[in-house]
C-alpha cells in the first residue's frame, strides 16, 4: 500500500532531514549536495525548508531523505545516550570506508554513498 503524503507531511520531512543535517554539523553547500537539490541551488535556499516548504518531490530526493532518516535512526540506536557521539560519527574517518568519514563517502558517491552508509549501519551490507 503506497499512501500519499500530505503537504504537511512533506514539510515535516523537510524540517526533519534539515534538522538532522544541522545536528551533524554539515555545512549548507554539502547539505544541498547530500539532498540532491537541483544544480545551482544556493545554500541559503535551505532556510525555506527549515520553515514551511517541502523539498522537491522527486524520486532521487525522496530516496535520499529515506536513507538519511534511516542513518539517523541507526545512530540513535547505536548511541542512545550520547547524541553528540552519533553526530560526531558522521564526520569521523572509519576504517570500513577506507578511512573516509561517512560524510566524505556520501558526498563523493552521492545516493550510492548514502545507501552504503545506511546499509552499513543497519547491518544489511553483510
PDB file of N, CA and C in Angstrom:
ATOM      1  N   UNK A   1       0.844  -1.175   0.000  1.00  0.00           N
ATOM      2  CA  UNK A   1       0.000   0.000   0.000  1.00  0.00           C
ATOM      3  C   UNK A   1       0.897   1.249   0.000  1.00  0.00           C
ATOM      4  N   UNK A   2       0.701   2.099  -0.954  1.00  0.00           N
ATOM      5  CA  UNK A   2       1.512   3.306  -1.087  1.00  0.00           C
ATOM      6  C   UNK A   2       0.664   4.520  -0.736  1.00  0.00           C
ATOM      7  N   UNK A   3       0.790   4.967   0.492  1.00  0.00           N
ATOM      8  CA  UNK A   3      -0.004   6.090   0.980  1.00  0.00           C
ATOM      9  C   UNK A   3       0.606   7.399   0.496  1.00  0.00           C
ATOM     10  N   UNK A   4      -0.225   8.260  -0.041  1.00  0.00           N
ATOM     11  CA  UNK A   4       0.231   9.587  -0.458  1.00  0.00           C
ATOM     12  C   UNK A   4       0.422  10.454   0.783  1.00  0.00           C
ATOM     13  N   UNK A   5       1.500  11.176   0.793  1.00  0.00           N
ATOM     14  CA  UNK A   5       1.767  12.071   1.913  1.00  0.00           C
ATOM     15  C   UNK A   5       1.102  13.420   1.665  1.00  0.00           C
ATOM     16  N   UNK A   6       0.651  14.029   2.743  1.00  0.00           N
ATOM     17  CA  UNK A   6       0.047  15.356   2.649  1.00  0.00           C
ATOM     18  C   UNK A   6       1.143  16.411   2.523  1.00  0.00           C
ATOM     19  N   UNK A   7       0.739  17.608   2.189  1.00  0.00           N
ATOM     20  CA  UNK A   7       1.679  18.738   2.128  1.00  0.00           C
ATOM     21  C   UNK A   7       2.365  18.925   3.480  1.00  0.00           C
ATOM     22  N   UNK A   8       1.592  18.807   4.559  1.00  0.00           N
ATOM     23  CA  UNK A   8       2.170  18.947   5.902  1.00  0.00           C
ATOM     24  C   UNK A   8       3.192  17.855   6.194  1.00  0.00           C
ATOM     25  N   UNK A   9       2.929  16.628   5.703  1.00  0.00           N
ATOM     26  CA  UNK A   9       3.889  15.538   5.878  1.00  0.00           C
ATOM     27  C   UNK A   9       5.201  15.847   5.153  1.00  0.00           C
ATOM     28  N   UNK A  10       5.094  16.361   3.931  1.00  0.00           N
ATOM     29  CA  UNK A  10       6.293  16.713   3.164  1.00  0.00           C
ATOM     30  C   UNK A  10       7.076  17.838   3.846  1.00  0.00           C
ATOM     31  N   UNK A  11       6.366  18.791   4.408  1.00  0.00           N
ATOM     32  CA  UNK A  11       7.032  19.876   5.139  1.00  0.00           C
ATOM     33  C   UNK A  11       7.738  19.319   6.374  1.00  0.00           C
ATOM     34  N   UNK A  12       7.074  18.422   7.093  1.00  0.00           N
ATOM     35  CA  UNK A  12       7.664  17.818   8.284  1.00  0.00           C
ATOM     36  C   UNK A  12       8.916  17.009   7.932  1.00  0.00           C
ATOM     37  N   UNK A  13       8.895  16.293   6.807  1.00  0.00           N
ATOM     38  CA  UNK A  13      10.076  15.542   6.370  1.00  0.00           C
ATOM     39  C   UNK A  13      11.232  16.486   6.041  1.00  0.00           C
ATOM     40  N   UNK A  14      10.928  17.577   5.363  1.00  0.00           N
ATOM     41  CA  UNK A  14      11.972  18.557   5.029  1.00  0.00           C
ATOM     42  C   UNK A  14      12.601  19.105   6.305  1.00  0.00           C
ATOM     43  N   UNK A  15      11.761  19.503   7.248  1.00  0.00           N
ATOM     44  CA  UNK A  15      12.278  20.031   8.517  1.00  0.00           C
ATOM     45  C   UNK A  15      13.126  18.990   9.236  1.00  0.00           C
ATOM     46  N   UNK A  16      12.649  17.749   9.252  1.00  0.00           N
ATOM     47  CA  UNK A  16      13.359  16.683   9.969  1.00  0.00           C
ATOM     48  C   UNK A  16      14.735  16.422   9.370  1.00  0.00           C
ATOM     49  N   UNK A  17      14.807  16.308   8.054  1.00  0.00           N
ATOM     50  CA  UNK A  17      16.095  15.983   7.441  1.00  0.00           C
ATOM     51  C   UNK A  17      17.060  17.162   7.553  1.00  0.00           C
ATOM     52  N   UNK A  18      16.577  18.386   7.435  1.00  0.00           N
ATOM     53  CA  UNK A  18      17.455  19.549   7.592  1.00  0.00           C
ATOM     54  C   UNK A  18      17.944  19.635   9.034  1.00  0.00           C
ATOM     55  N   UNK A  19      17.090  19.338   9.994  1.00  0.00           N
ATOM     56  CA  UNK A  19      17.480  19.336  11.406  1.00  0.00           C
ATOM     57  C   UNK A  19      18.580  18.310  11.655  1.00  0.00           C
ATOM     58  N   UNK A  20      18.458  17.136  11.028  1.00  0.00           N
ATOM     59  CA  UNK A  20      19.475  16.092  11.171  1.00  0.00           C
ATOM     60  C   UNK A  20      20.803  16.575  10.589  1.00  0.00           C
ATOM     61  N   UNK A  21      20.759  17.118   9.388  1.00  0.00           N
ATOM     62  CA  UNK A  21      21.993  17.587   8.749  1.00  0.00           C
ATOM     63  C   UNK A  21      22.636  18.713   9.553  1.00  0.00           C
ATOM     64  N   UNK A  22      21.817  19.576  10.134  1.00  0.00           N
ATOM     65  CA  UNK A  22      22.347  20.632  11.003  1.00  0.00           C
ATOM     66  C   UNK A  22      23.019  20.025  12.237  1.00  0.00           C
ATOM     67  N   UNK A  23      22.377  19.025  12.841  1.00  0.00           N
ATOM     68  CA  UNK A  23      22.937  18.379  14.035  1.00  0.00           C
ATOM     69  C   UNK A  23      24.259  17.689  13.715  1.00  0.00           C
ATOM     70  N   UNK A  24      24.383  17.184  12.492  1.00  0.00           N
ATOM     71  CA  UNK A  24      25.634  16.553  12.077  1.00  0.00           C
ATOM     72  C   UNK A  24      26.704  17.599  11.773  1.00  0.00           C
ATOM     73  N   UNK A  25      26.340  18.847  11.854  1.00  0.00           N
ATOM     74  CA  UNK A  25      27.249  19.981  11.595  1.00  0.00           C
ATOM     75  C   UNK A  25      27.750  19.989  10.149  1.00  0.00           C
ATOM     76  N   UNK A  26      26.852  19.701   9.244  1.00  0.00           N
ATOM     77  CA  UNK A  26      27.159  19.699   7.817  1.00  0.00           C
ATOM     78  C   UNK A  26      26.825  21.077   7.262  1.00  0.00           C
ATOM     79  N   UNK A  27      27.773  21.666   6.566  1.00  0.00           N
ATOM     80  CA  UNK A  27      27.595  22.997   6.009  1.00  0.00           C
ATOM     81  C   UNK A  27      26.522  23.037   4.928  1.00  0.00           C
ATOM     82  N   UNK A  28      25.995  24.221   4.665  1.00  0.00           N
ATOM     83  CA  UNK A  28      24.902  24.372   3.700  1.00  0.00           C
ATOM     84  C   UNK A  28      25.213  23.829   2.300  1.00  0.00           C
ATOM     85  N   UNK A  29      26.396  24.090   1.773  1.00  0.00           N
ATOM     86  CA  UNK A  29      26.710  23.602   0.422  1.00  0.00           C
ATOM     87  C   UNK A  29      26.703  22.076   0.381  1.00  0.00           C
ATOM     88  N   UNK A  30      27.217  21.441   1.436  1.00  0.00           N
ATOM     89  CA  UNK A  30      27.202  19.980   1.491  1.00  0.00           C
ATOM     90  C   UNK A  30      25.791  19.451   1.717  1.00  0.00           C
ATOM     91  N   UNK A  31      24.956  20.200   2.437  1.00  0.00           N
ATOM     92  CA  UNK A  31      23.558  19.791   2.596  1.00  0.00           C
ATOM     93  C   UNK A  31      22.853  19.780   1.242  1.00  0.00           C
ATOM     94  N   UNK A  32      23.084  20.811   0.457  1.00  0.00           N
ATOM     95  CA  UNK A  32      22.494  20.878  -0.887  1.00  0.00           C
ATOM     96  C   UNK A  32      22.919  19.656  -1.689  1.00  0.00           C
ATOM     97  N   UNK A  33      24.192  19.303  -1.603  1.00  0.00           N
ATOM     98  CA  UNK A  33      24.713  18.153  -2.333  1.00  0.00           C
ATOM     99  C   UNK A  33      24.109  16.846  -1.826  1.00  0.00           C
ATOM    100  N   UNK A  34      24.089  16.649  -0.512  1.00  0.00           N
ATOM    101  CA  UNK A  34      23.537  15.414   0.052  1.00  0.00           C
ATOM    102  C   UNK A  34      22.071  15.223  -0.310  1.00  0.00           C
ATOM    103  N   UNK A  35      21.330  16.314  -0.332  1.00  0.00           N
ATOM    104  CA  UNK A  35      19.906  16.220  -0.641  1.00  0.00           C
ATOM    105  C   UNK A  35      19.640  16.073  -2.137  1.00  0.00           C
ATOM    106  N   UNK A  36      20.660  16.265  -2.943  1.00  0.00           N
ATOM    107  CA  UNK A  36      20.484  16.127  -4.387  1.00  0.00           C
ATOM    108  C   UNK A  36      19.622  17.225  -4.976  1.00  0.00           C
ATOM    109  N   UNK A  37      19.702  18.406  -4.372  1.00  0.00           N
ATOM    110  CA  UNK A  37      18.905  19.521  -4.877  1.00  0.00           C
ATOM    111  C   UNK A  37      19.430  19.947  -6.246  1.00  0.00           C
ATOM    112  N   UNK A  38      18.593  20.569  -7.046  1.00  0.00           N
ATOM    113  CA  UNK A  38      18.986  20.921  -8.414  1.00  0.00           C
ATOM    114  C   UNK A  38      20.260  21.754  -8.459  1.00  0.00           C
ATOM    115  N   UNK A  39      21.032  21.525  -9.515  1.00  0.00           N
ATOM    116  CA  UNK A  39      22.256  22.292  -9.709  1.00  0.00           C
ATOM    117  C   UNK A  39      21.931  23.778  -9.688  1.00  0.00           C
ATOM    118  N   UNK A  40      22.766  24.535  -9.042  1.00  0.00           N
ATOM    119  CA  UNK A  40      22.543  25.970  -8.943  1.00  0.00           C
ATOM    120  C   UNK A  40      21.750  26.385  -7.716  1.00  0.00           C
ATOM    121  N   UNK A  41      21.279  25.398  -6.921  1.00  0.00           N
ATOM    122  CA  UNK A  41      20.569  25.737  -5.689  1.00  0.00           C
ATOM    123  C   UNK A  41      21.555  26.406  -4.742  1.00  0.00           C
ATOM    124  N   UNK A  42      21.210  27.588  -4.311  1.00  0.00           N
ATOM    125  CA  UNK A  42      22.086  28.311  -3.390  1.00  0.00           C
ATOM    126  C   UNK A  42      21.888  27.778  -1.971  1.00  0.00           C
ATOM    127  N   UNK A  43      22.977  27.648  -1.227  1.00  0.00           N
ATOM    128  CA  UNK A  43      22.866  27.138   0.138  1.00  0.00           C
ATOM    129  C   UNK A  43      21.853  27.900   0.994  1.00  0.00           C
ATOM    130  N   UNK A  44      21.696  29.199   0.754  1.00  0.00           N
ATOM    131  CA  UNK A  44      20.744  29.968   1.571  1.00  0.00           C
ATOM    132  C   UNK A  44      19.297  29.539   1.308  1.00  0.00           C
ATOM    133  N   UNK A  45      19.059  28.815   0.219  1.00  0.00           N
ATOM    134  CA  UNK A  45      17.711  28.320  -0.080  1.00  0.00           C
ATOM    135  C   UNK A  45      17.248  27.297   0.955  1.00  0.00           C
ATOM    136  N   UNK A  46      18.184  26.731   1.710  1.00  0.00           N
ATOM    137  CA  UNK A  46      17.817  25.751   2.735  1.00  0.00           C
ATOM    138  C   UNK A  46      16.933  26.352   3.815  1.00  0.00           C
ATOM    139  N   UNK A  47      17.030  27.642   4.020  1.00  0.00           N
ATOM    140  CA  UNK A  47      16.242  28.299   5.072  1.00  0.00           C
ATOM    141  C   UNK A  47      14.752  28.043   4.889  1.00  0.00           C
ATOM    142  N   UNK A  48      14.277  28.036   3.667  1.00  0.00           N
ATOM    143  CA  UNK A  48      12.841  27.823   3.443  1.00  0.00           C
ATOM    144  C   UNK A  48      12.405  26.408   3.818  1.00  0.00           C
ATOM    145  N   UNK A  49      13.336  25.436   3.720  1.00  0.00           N
ATOM    146  CA  UNK A  49      12.988  24.056   4.093  1.00  0.00           C
ATOM    147  C   UNK A  49      12.959  23.871   5.604  1.00  0.00           C
ATOM    148  N   UNK A  50      13.601  24.775   6.318  1.00  0.00           N
ATOM    149  CA  UNK A  50      13.569  24.724   7.788  1.00  0.00           C
ATOM    150  C   UNK A  50      12.250  25.254   8.327  1.00  0.00           C
ATOM    151  N   UNK A  51      11.530  26.009   7.500  1.00  0.00           N
ATOM    152  CA  UNK A  51      10.338  26.699   7.986  1.00  0.00           C
ATOM    153  C   UNK A  51       9.057  26.018   7.507  1.00  0.00           C
ATOM    154  N   UNK A  52       8.743  26.142   6.227  1.00  0.00           N
ATOM    155  CA  UNK A  52       7.438  25.635   5.797  1.00  0.00           C
ATOM    156  C   UNK A  52       7.370  25.295   4.316  1.00  0.00           C
ATOM    157  N   UNK A  53       8.477  24.838   3.746  1.00  0.00           N
ATOM    158  CA  UNK A  53       8.469  24.472   2.339  1.00  0.00           C
ATOM    159  C   UNK A  53       8.945  23.032   2.206  1.00  0.00           C
ATOM    160  N   UNK A  54       8.211  22.195   1.480  1.00  0.00           N
ATOM    161  CA  UNK A  54       8.684  20.826   1.278  1.00  0.00           C
ATOM    162  C   UNK A  54       9.853  20.794   0.296  1.00  0.00           C
ATOM    163  N   UNK A  55      10.682  19.789   0.422  1.00  0.00           N
ATOM    164  CA  UNK A  55      11.733  19.568  -0.563  1.00  0.00           C
ATOM    165  C   UNK A  55      11.086  19.155  -1.878  1.00  0.00           C
ATOM    166  N   UNK A  56      11.782  19.326  -3.000  1.00  0.00           N
ATOM    167  CA  UNK A  56      11.205  18.915  -4.278  1.00  0.00           C
ATOM    168  C   UNK A  56      10.782  17.443  -4.240  1.00  0.00           C
ATOM    169  N   UNK A  57       9.620  17.161  -4.790  1.00  0.00           N
ATOM    170  CA  UNK A  57       9.066  15.805  -4.764  1.00  0.00           C
ATOM    171  C   UNK A  57       9.562  15.037  -5.986  1.00  0.00           C
ATOM    172  N   UNK A  58      10.826  14.619  -5.898  1.00  0.00           N
ATOM    173  CA  UNK A  58      11.468  13.871  -6.976  1.00  0.00           C
ATOM    174  C   UNK A  58      11.968  12.548  -6.408  1.00  0.00           C
ATOM    175  N   UNK A  59      11.930  11.478  -7.209  1.00  0.00           N
ATOM    176  CA  UNK A  59      12.333  10.153  -6.699  1.00  0.00           C
ATOM    177  C   UNK A  59      13.711  10.131  -6.051  1.00  0.00           C
ATOM    178  N   UNK A  60      14.704  10.761  -6.662  1.00  0.00           N
ATOM    179  CA  UNK A  60      16.057  10.760  -6.110  1.00  0.00           C
ATOM    180  C   UNK A  60      16.091  11.450  -4.750  1.00  0.00           C
ATOM    181  N   UNK A  61      15.419  12.564  -4.632  1.00  0.00           N
ATOM    182  CA  UNK A  61      15.401  13.301  -3.363  1.00  0.00           C
ATOM    183  C   UNK A  61      14.641  12.512  -2.305  1.00  0.00           C
ATOM    184  N   UNK A  62      13.532  11.885  -2.691  1.00  0.00           N
ATOM    185  CA  UNK A  62      12.779  11.061  -1.728  1.00  0.00           C
ATOM    186  C   UNK A  62      13.649   9.930  -1.189  1.00  0.00           C
ATOM    187  N   UNK A  63      14.422   9.282  -2.067  1.00  0.00           N
ATOM    188  CA  UNK A  63      15.309   8.203  -1.612  1.00  0.00           C
ATOM    189  C   UNK A  63      16.385   8.725  -0.680  1.00  0.00           C
ATOM    190  N   UNK A  64      16.962   9.873  -1.012  1.00  0.00           N
ATOM    191  CA  UNK A  64      17.990  10.459  -0.154  1.00  0.00           C
ATOM    192  C   UNK A  64      17.422  10.744   1.236  1.00  0.00           C
ATOM    193  N   UNK A  65      16.228  11.325   1.285  1.00  0.00           N
ATOM    194  CA  UNK A  65      15.583  11.603   2.567  1.00  0.00           C
ATOM    195  C   UNK A  65      15.385  10.309   3.346  1.00  0.00           C
ATOM    196  N   UNK A  66      14.878   9.289   2.669  1.00  0.00           N
ATOM    197  CA  UNK A  66      14.628   7.994   3.322  1.00  0.00           C
ATOM    198  C   UNK A  66      15.910   7.452   3.948  1.00  0.00           C
ATOM    199  N   UNK A  67      16.996   7.416   3.180  1.00  0.00           N
ATOM    200  CA  UNK A  67      18.244   6.858   3.691  1.00  0.00           C
ATOM    201  C   UNK A  67      18.878   7.736   4.774  1.00  0.00           C
ATOM    202  N   UNK A  68      18.792   9.045   4.632  1.00  0.00           N
ATOM    203  CA  UNK A  68      19.332   9.926   5.665  1.00  0.00           C
ATOM    204  C   UNK A  68      18.570   9.748   6.978  1.00  0.00           C
ATOM    205  N   UNK A  69      17.255   9.605   6.897  1.00  0.00           N
ATOM    206  CA  UNK A  69      16.466   9.344   8.107  1.00  0.00           C
ATOM    207  C   UNK A  69      16.821   7.981   8.697  1.00  0.00           C
ATOM    208  N   UNK A  70      17.054   6.977   7.827  1.00  0.00           N
ATOM    209  CA  UNK A  70      17.470   5.651   8.309  1.00  0.00           C
ATOM    210  C   UNK A  70      18.817   5.724   9.018  1.00  0.00           C
ATOM    211  N   UNK A  71      19.734   6.509   8.463  1.00  0.00           N
ATOM    212  CA  UNK A  71      21.045   6.669   9.096  1.00  0.00           C
ATOM    213  C   UNK A  71      20.870   7.244  10.505  1.00  0.00           C
ATOM    214  N   UNK A  72      20.045   8.278  10.624  1.00  0.00           N
ATOM    215  CA  UNK A  72      19.836   8.883  11.945  1.00  0.00           C
ATOM    216  C   UNK A  72      19.189   7.897  12.906  1.00  0.00           C
ATOM    217  N   UNK A  73      18.226   7.127  12.432  1.00  0.00           N
ATOM    218  CA  UNK A  73      17.577   6.118  13.280  1.00  0.00           C
ATOM    219  C   UNK A  73      18.600   5.103  13.778  1.00  0.00           C
ATOM    220  N   UNK A  74      19.476   4.660  12.884  1.00  0.00           N
ATOM    221  CA  UNK A  74      20.519   3.707  13.290  1.00  0.00           C
ATOM    222  C   UNK A  74      21.480   4.331  14.296  1.00  0.00           C
ATOM    223  N   UNK A  75      21.858   5.581  14.066  1.00  0.00           N
ATOM    224  CA  UNK A  75      22.753   6.258  15.011  1.00  0.00           C
ATOM    225  C   UNK A  75      22.089   6.427  16.375  1.00  0.00           C
ATOM    226  N   UNK A  76      20.798   6.707  16.372  1.00  0.00           N
ATOM    227  CA  UNK A  76      20.067   6.819  17.640  1.00  0.00           C
ATOM    228  C   UNK A  76      20.072   5.486  18.392  1.00  0.00           C
ATOM    229  N   UNK A  77      20.043   4.388  17.650  1.00  0.00           N
ATOM    230  CA  UNK A  77      20.075   3.056  18.255  1.00  0.00           C
ATOM    231  C   UNK A  77      21.477   2.736  18.775  1.00  0.00           C
ATOM    232  N   UNK A  78      22.495   3.088  17.986  1.00  0.00           N
ATOM    233  CA  UNK A  78      23.876   2.809  18.392  1.00  0.00           C
ATOM    234  C   UNK A  78      24.341   3.651  19.572  1.00  0.00           C
ATOM    235  N   UNK A  79      23.871   4.878  19.625  1.00  0.00           N
ATOM    236  CA  UNK A  79      24.298   5.821  20.666  1.00  0.00           C
ATOM    237  C   UNK A  79      23.075   6.406  21.377  1.00  0.00           C
ATOM    238  N   UNK A  80      22.317   5.565  22.070  1.00  0.00           N
ATOM    239  CA  UNK A  80      21.054   6.047  22.642  1.00  0.00           C
ATOM    240  C   UNK A  80      21.207   7.102  23.728  1.00  0.00           C
ATOM    241  N   UNK A  81      22.364   7.156  24.358  1.00  0.00           N
ATOM    242  CA  UNK A  81      22.558   8.099  25.456  1.00  0.00           C
ATOM    243  C   UNK A  81      23.576   9.184  25.133  1.00  0.00           C
ATOM    244  N   UNK A  82      24.000   9.236  23.865  1.00  0.00           N
ATOM    245  CA  UNK A  82      25.042  10.191  23.525  1.00  0.00           C
ATOM    246  C   UNK A  82      24.834  10.713  22.101  1.00  0.00           C
ATOM    247  N   UNK A  83      23.957  11.678  21.960  1.00  0.00           N
ATOM    248  CA  UNK A  83      23.681  12.228  20.625  1.00  0.00           C
ATOM    249  C   UNK A  83      24.910  12.928  20.048  1.00  0.00           C
ATOM    250  N   UNK A  84      25.769  13.468  20.892  1.00  0.00           N
ATOM    251  CA  UNK A  84      26.981  14.116  20.384  1.00  0.00           C
ATOM    252  C   UNK A  84      27.879  13.099  19.676  1.00  0.00           C
ATOM    253  N   UNK A  85      27.968  11.892  20.220  1.00  0.00           N
ATOM    254  CA  UNK A  85      28.775  10.849  19.584  1.00  0.00           C
ATOM    255  C   UNK A  85      28.151  10.427  18.263  1.00  0.00           C
ATOM    256  N   UNK A  86      26.840  10.336  18.233  1.00  0.00           N
ATOM    257  CA  UNK A  86      26.146   9.982  16.987  1.00  0.00           C
ATOM    258  C   UNK A  86      26.443  11.022  15.915  1.00  0.00           C
ATOM    259  N   UNK A  87      26.391  12.282  16.286  1.00  0.00           N
ATOM    260  CA  UNK A  87      26.671  13.353  15.330  1.00  0.00           C
ATOM    261  C   UNK A  87      28.139  13.353  14.910  1.00  0.00           C
ATOM    262  N   UNK A  88      29.023  13.070  15.840  1.00  0.00           N
ATOM    263  CA  UNK A  88      30.456  13.017  15.579  1.00  0.00           C
ATOM    264  C   UNK A  88      30.804  11.879  14.617  1.00  0.00           C
ATOM    265  N   UNK A  89      30.117  10.747  14.738  1.00  0.00           N
ATOM    266  CA  UNK A  89      30.394   9.562  13.918  1.00  0.00           C
ATOM    267  C   UNK A  89      30.344   9.895  12.419  1.00  0.00           C
ATOM    268  N   UNK A  90      29.428  10.732  12.034  1.00  0.00           N
ATOM    269  CA  UNK A  90      29.226  11.049  10.618  1.00  0.00           C
ATOM    270  C   UNK A  90      30.463  11.704  10.007  1.00  0.00           C
ATOM    271  N   UNK A  91      31.232  12.422  10.799  1.00  0.00           N
ATOM    272  CA  UNK A  91      32.381  13.152  10.256  1.00  0.00           C
ATOM    273  C   UNK A  91      33.726  12.543  10.671  1.00  0.00           C
ATOM    274  N   UNK A  92      33.698  11.350  11.233  1.00  0.00           N
ATOM    275  CA  UNK A  92      34.909  10.676  11.696  1.00  0.00           C
ATOM    276  C   UNK A  92      35.357   9.644  10.667  1.00  0.00           C
ATOM    277  N   UNK A  93      36.647   9.586  10.408  1.00  0.00           N
ATOM    278  CA  UNK A  93      37.164   8.578   9.479  1.00  0.00           C
ATOM    279  C   UNK A  93      36.887   7.183  10.030  1.00  0.00           C
ATOM    280  N   UNK A  94      36.397   6.314   9.146  1.00  0.00           N
ATOM    281  CA  UNK A  94      36.007   4.960   9.525  1.00  0.00           C
ATOM    282  C   UNK A  94      36.842   3.977   8.690  1.00  0.00           C
ATOM    283  N   UNK A  95      37.562   3.059   9.318  1.00  0.00           N
ATOM    284  CA  UNK A  95      38.351   2.098   8.544  1.00  0.00           C
ATOM    285  C   UNK A  95      37.517   1.339   7.498  1.00  0.00           C
ATOM    286  N   UNK A  96      36.290   0.984   7.845  1.00  0.00           N
ATOM    287  CA  UNK A  96      35.421   0.240   6.918  1.00  0.00           C
ATOM    288  C   UNK A  96      35.214   1.008   5.612  1.00  0.00           C
ATOM    289  N   UNK A  97      35.249   2.319   5.672  1.00  0.00           N
ATOM    290  CA  UNK A  97      35.055   3.159   4.479  1.00  0.00           C
ATOM    291  C   UNK A  97      36.395   3.646   3.923  1.00  0.00           C
ATOM    292  N   UNK A  98      37.429   2.804   4.029  1.00  0.00           N
ATOM    293  CA  UNK A  98      38.760   3.160   3.541  1.00  0.00           C
ATOM    294  C   UNK A  98      39.256   4.464   4.153  1.00  0.00           C
ATOM    295  N   UNK A  99      39.042   4.583   5.446  1.00  0.00           N
ATOM    296  CA  UNK A  99      39.471   5.747   6.222  1.00  0.00           C
ATOM    297  C   UNK A  99      38.878   7.061   5.736  1.00  0.00           C
ATOM    298  N   UNK A 100      37.718   6.986   5.133  1.00  0.00           N
ATOM    299  CA  UNK A 100      36.934   8.189   4.828  1.00  0.00           C
ATOM    300  C   UNK A 100      35.876   8.313   5.918  1.00  0.00           C
ATOM    301  N   UNK A 101      35.395   9.515   6.109  1.00  0.00           N
ATOM    302  CA  UNK A 101      34.250   9.674   7.007  1.00  0.00           C
ATOM    303  C   UNK A 101      32.995   9.284   6.227  1.00  0.00           C
ATOM    304  N   UNK A 102      31.945   8.907   6.925  1.00  0.00           N
ATOM    305  CA  UNK A 102      30.690   8.650   6.229  1.00  0.00           C
ATOM    306  C   UNK A 102      30.256   9.854   5.389  1.00  0.00           C
ATOM    307  N   UNK A 103      30.482  11.057   5.919  1.00  0.00           N
ATOM    308  CA  UNK A 103      30.130  12.257   5.160  1.00  0.00           C
ATOM    309  C   UNK A 103      30.904  12.317   3.850  1.00  0.00           C
ATOM    310  N   UNK A 104      32.208  12.069   3.896  1.00  0.00           N
ATOM    311  CA  UNK A 104      33.008  12.090   2.666  1.00  0.00           C
ATOM    312  C   UNK A 104      32.486  11.069   1.670  1.00  0.00           C
ATOM    313  N   UNK A 105      32.175   9.873   2.150  1.00  0.00           N
ATOM    314  CA  UNK A 105      31.666   8.824   1.272  1.00  0.00           C
ATOM    315  C   UNK A 105      30.351   9.252   0.629  1.00  0.00           C
ATOM    316  N   UNK A 106      29.460   9.828   1.428  1.00  0.00           N
ATOM    317  CA  UNK A 106      28.161  10.253   0.906  1.00  0.00           C
ATOM    318  C   UNK A 106      28.311  11.380  -0.108  1.00  0.00           C
ATOM    319  N   UNK A 107      29.209  12.307   0.170  1.00  0.00           N
ATOM    320  CA  UNK A 107      29.416  13.415  -0.765  1.00  0.00           C
ATOM    321  C   UNK A 107      30.094  12.944  -2.046  1.00  0.00           C
ATOM    322  N   UNK A 108      31.056  12.033  -1.923  1.00  0.00           N
ATOM    323  CA  UNK A 108      31.783  11.550  -3.096  1.00  0.00           C
ATOM    324  C   UNK A 108      30.936  10.658  -3.993  1.00  0.00           C
ATOM    325  N   UNK A 109      30.076   9.832  -3.390  1.00  0.00           N
ATOM    326  CA  UNK A 109      29.311   8.852  -4.167  1.00  0.00           C
ATOM    327  C   UNK A 109      27.838   9.205  -4.319  1.00  0.00           C
ATOM    328  N   UNK A 110      27.406  10.299  -3.720  1.00  0.00           N
ATOM    329  CA  UNK A 110      26.006  10.701  -3.855  1.00  0.00           C
ATOM    330  C   UNK A 110      25.057   9.679  -3.251  1.00  0.00           C
ATOM    331  N   UNK A 111      23.986   9.401  -3.957  1.00  0.00           N
ATOM    332  CA  UNK A 111      22.964   8.477  -3.449  1.00  0.00           C
ATOM    333  C   UNK A 111      23.560   7.115  -3.127  1.00  0.00           C
ATOM    334  N   UNK A 112      24.474   6.616  -3.953  1.00  0.00           N
ATOM    335  CA  UNK A 112      25.099   5.322  -3.664  1.00  0.00           C
ATOM    336  C   UNK A 112      25.872   5.357  -2.351  1.00  0.00           C
ATOM    337  N   UNK A 113      26.540   6.465  -2.057  1.00  0.00           N
ATOM    338  CA  UNK A 113      27.249   6.594  -0.796  1.00  0.00           C
ATOM    339  C   UNK A 113      26.299   6.649   0.389  1.00  0.00           C
ATOM    340  N   UNK A 114      25.193   7.347   0.222  1.00  0.00           N
ATOM    341  CA  UNK A 114      24.191   7.432   1.290  1.00  0.00           C
ATOM    342  C   UNK A 114      23.613   6.043   1.559  1.00  0.00           C
ATOM    343  N   UNK A 115      23.321   5.295   0.495  1.00  0.00           N
ATOM    344  CA  UNK A 115      22.818   3.915   0.647  1.00  0.00           C
ATOM    345  C   UNK A 115      23.850   3.047   1.355  1.00  0.00           C
ATOM    346  N   UNK A 116      25.126   3.205   0.990  1.00  0.00           N
ATOM    347  CA  UNK A 116      26.188   2.406   1.589  1.00  0.00           C
ATOM    348  C   UNK A 116      26.293   2.659   3.084  1.00  0.00           C
ATOM    349  N   UNK A 117      26.254   3.912   3.483  1.00  0.00           N
ATOM    350  CA  UNK A 117      26.334   4.251   4.910  1.00  0.00           C
ATOM    351  C   UNK A 117      25.115   3.704   5.649  1.00  0.00           C
ATOM    352  N   UNK A 118      23.946   3.861   5.061  1.00  0.00           N
ATOM    353  CA  UNK A 118      22.725   3.346   5.685  1.00  0.00           C
ATOM    354  C   UNK A 118      22.796   1.836   5.842  1.00  0.00           C
ATOM    355  N   UNK A 119      23.214   1.137   4.789  1.00  0.00           N
ATOM    356  CA  UNK A 119      23.307  -0.334   4.849  1.00  0.00           C
ATOM    357  C   UNK A 119      24.341  -0.784   5.873  1.00  0.00           C
ATOM    358  N   UNK A 120      25.447  -0.069   5.963  1.00  0.00           N
ATOM    359  CA  UNK A 120      26.472  -0.412   6.956  1.00  0.00           C
ATOM    360  C   UNK A 120      25.906  -0.300   8.377  1.00  0.00           C
ATOM    361  N   UNK A 121      25.203   0.777   8.631  1.00  0.00           N
ATOM    362  CA  UNK A 121      24.674   0.993   9.977  1.00  0.00           C
ATOM    363  C   UNK A 121      23.574   0.020  10.360  1.00  0.00           C
ATOM    364  N   UNK A 122      22.733  -0.332   9.405  1.00  0.00           N
ATOM    365  CA  UNK A 122      21.634  -1.237   9.772  1.00  0.00           C
ATOM    366  C   UNK A 122      21.996  -2.712   9.576  1.00  0.00           C
ATOM    367  N   UNK A 123      23.243  -2.963   9.132  1.00  0.00           N
ATOM    368  CA  UNK A 123      23.721  -4.336   9.029  1.00  0.00           C
ATOM    369  C   UNK A 123      23.288  -5.065   7.769  1.00  0.00           C
ATOM    370  N   UNK A 124      22.659  -4.374   6.843  1.00  0.00           N
ATOM    371  CA  UNK A 124      22.171  -5.063   5.639  1.00  0.00           C
ATOM    372  C   UNK A 124      23.253  -5.227   4.578  1.00  0.00           C
ATOM    373  N   UNK A 125      24.473  -4.747   4.858  1.00  0.00           N
ATOM    374  CA  UNK A 125      25.560  -4.909   3.893  1.00  0.00           C
ATOM    375  C   UNK A 125      26.380  -6.156   4.153  1.00  0.00           C
ATOM    376  N   UNK A 126      25.984  -6.925   5.149  1.00  0.00           N
ATOM    377  CA  UNK A 126      26.762  -8.137   5.475  1.00  0.00           C
ATOM    378  C   UNK A 126      26.141  -9.350   4.841  1.00  0.00           C
TER     379      UNK A 126
END
